[in-house]
Amino acid sequence: MIEEVNSMKYDVFISHASEDKADFVHPLALALHEKGLSVWYDEFTLQLGDSLTESINDGISILPSVS
């Protein structure tokens, strides 16, 4: 389980197109994780049987709003 820091579960939420996954998104997610960031990325976060909608809502529900 990922620890919450300042009420945030994730530092970064990655949403992507499937065709971008192998060449760009996966290496980006790994690099961010290696830098110590908590990353919501489908391959890191989702498990068999998880609700995609609920998991995404959980990942973005506490992100700070951008004005």
C-alpha atoms as a PDB file:
ATOM      1  CA  MET A   1       0.000   0.000   0.000  1.00  0.00           C
ATOM      2  CA  ILE A   2       1.219   3.486  -0.803  1.00  0.00           C
ATOM      3  CA  GLU A   3       1.697   5.820   2.150  1.00  0.00           C
ATOM      4  CA  GLU A   4      -0.205   9.066   2.183  1.00  0.00           C
ATOM      5  CA  VAL A   5       1.840  12.226   2.598  1.00  0.00           C
ATOM      6  CA  ASN A   6      -0.015  15.474   3.263  1.00  0.00           C
ATOM      7  CA  SER A   7      -3.306  13.719   2.343  1.00  0.00           C
ATOM      8  CA  MET A   8      -1.995  12.907  -1.141  1.00  0.00           C
ATOM      9  CA  LYS A   9      -1.530   9.321  -2.237  1.00  0.00           C
ATOM     10  CA  TYR A  10       0.210  10.182  -5.487  1.00  0.00           C
ATOM     11  CA  ASP A  11       2.562  12.909  -6.614  1.00  0.00           C
ATOM     12  CA  VAL A  12       1.838  12.172 -10.269  1.00  0.00           C
ATOM     13  CA  PHE A  13      -1.152  10.742 -12.128  1.00  0.00           C
ATOM     14  CA  ILE A  14      -0.357   9.437 -15.615  1.00  0.00           C
ATOM     15  CA  SER A  15      -3.126   9.162 -18.181  1.00  0.00           C
ATOM     16  CA  HIS A  16      -2.057   8.026 -21.622  1.00  0.00           C
ATOM     17  CA  ALA A  17      -2.997   6.617 -25.010  1.00  0.00           C
ATOM     18  CA  SER A  18      -2.188   2.927 -25.440  1.00  0.00           C
ATOM     19  CA  GLU A  19       0.025   3.576 -28.456  1.00  0.00           C
ATOM     20  CA  ASP A  20       2.299   5.825 -26.350  1.00  0.00           C
ATOM     21  CA  LYS A  21       2.801   3.307 -23.558  1.00  0.00           C
ATOM     22  CA  ALA A  22       5.832   1.287 -24.648  1.00  0.00           C
ATOM     23  CA  ASP A  23       8.007   4.036 -26.092  1.00  0.00           C
ATOM     24  CA  PHE A  24       7.227   6.936 -23.784  1.00  0.00           C
ATOM     25  CA  VAL A  25       4.839   6.391 -20.879  1.00  0.00           C
ATOM     26  CA  HIS A  26       6.348   3.295 -19.269  1.00  0.00           C
ATOM     27  CA  PRO A  27       9.911   4.725 -19.256  1.00  0.00           C
ATOM     28  CA  LEU A  28       8.538   8.019 -17.887  1.00  0.00           C
ATOM     29  CA  ALA A  29       6.661   6.270 -15.079  1.00  0.00           C
ATOM     30  CA  LEU A  30       9.761   4.264 -14.150  1.00  0.00           C
ATOM     31  CA  ALA A  31      11.972   7.364 -14.165  1.00  0.00           C
ATOM     32  CA  LEU A  32       9.557   9.296 -11.940  1.00  0.00           C
ATOM     33  CA  HIS A  33       9.278   6.354  -9.543  1.00  0.00           C
ATOM     34  CA  GLU A  34      13.076   6.010  -9.418  1.00  0.00           C
ATOM     35  CA  LYS A  35      13.271   9.700  -8.456  1.00  0.00           C
ATOM     36  CA  GLY A  36      11.118   8.904  -5.416  1.00  0.00           C
ATOM     37  CA  LEU A  37       7.774  10.159  -6.659  1.00  0.00           C
ATOM     38  CA  SER A  38       4.571   8.270  -5.947  1.00  0.00           C
ATOM     39  CA  VAL A  39       3.098   7.573  -9.378  1.00  0.00           C
ATOM     40  CA  TRP A  40      -0.431   6.478 -10.299  1.00  0.00           C
ATOM     41  CA  TYR A  41       0.235   4.474 -13.435  1.00  0.00           C
ATOM     42  CA  ASP A  42      -1.984   1.611 -14.499  1.00  0.00           C
ATOM     43  CA  GLU A  43       0.796  -1.000 -14.472  1.00  0.00           C
ATOM     44  CA  PHE A  44       1.918   0.064 -10.985  1.00  0.00           C
ATOM     45  CA  THR A  45      -1.503   0.594  -9.451  1.00  0.00           C
ATOM     46  CA  LEU A  46      -4.168  -1.647 -10.956  1.00  0.00           C
ATOM     47  CA  GLN A  47      -4.609  -5.246  -9.897  1.00  0.00           C
ATOM     48  CA  LEU A  48      -6.730  -7.982 -11.402  1.00  0.00           C
ATOM     49  CA  GLY A  49     -10.359  -7.366 -10.474  1.00  0.00           C
ATOM     50  CA  ASP A  50      -9.950  -3.664  -9.642  1.00  0.00           C
ATOM     51  CA  SER A  51     -12.554  -1.257 -10.935  1.00  0.00           C
ATOM     52  CA  LEU A  52     -10.818   0.996 -13.444  1.00  0.00           C
ATOM     53  CA  THR A  53     -13.223   3.859 -12.782  1.00  0.00           C
ATOM     54  CA  GLU A  54     -12.895   3.634  -8.993  1.00  0.00           C
ATOM     55  CA  SER A  55      -9.115   3.382  -9.166  1.00  0.00           C
ATOM     56  CA  ILE A  56      -8.821   6.394 -11.471  1.00  0.00           C
ATOM     57  CA  ASN A  57     -11.218   8.408  -9.313  1.00  0.00           C
ATOM     58  CA  ASP A  58      -9.165   7.484  -6.254  1.00  0.00           C
ATOM     59  CA  GLY A  59      -5.958   8.517  -8.013  1.00  0.00           C
ATOM     60  CA  ILE A  60      -7.226  11.933  -9.053  1.00  0.00           C
ATOM     61  CA  SER A  61      -9.612  12.721  -6.191  1.00  0.00           C
ATOM     62  CA  ILE A  62      -7.010  14.423  -4.073  1.00  0.00           C
ATOM     63  CA  LEU A  63      -4.871  16.088  -6.712  1.00  0.00           C
ATOM     64  CA  PRO A  64      -4.580  19.825  -6.180  1.00  0.00           C
ATOM     65  CA  SER A  65      -6.638  21.893  -8.560  1.00  0.00           C
ATOM     66  CA  VAL A  66      -4.847  24.053 -11.100  1.00  0.00           C
ATOM     67  CA  SER A  67      -6.141  27.605 -11.485  1.00  0.00           C
END
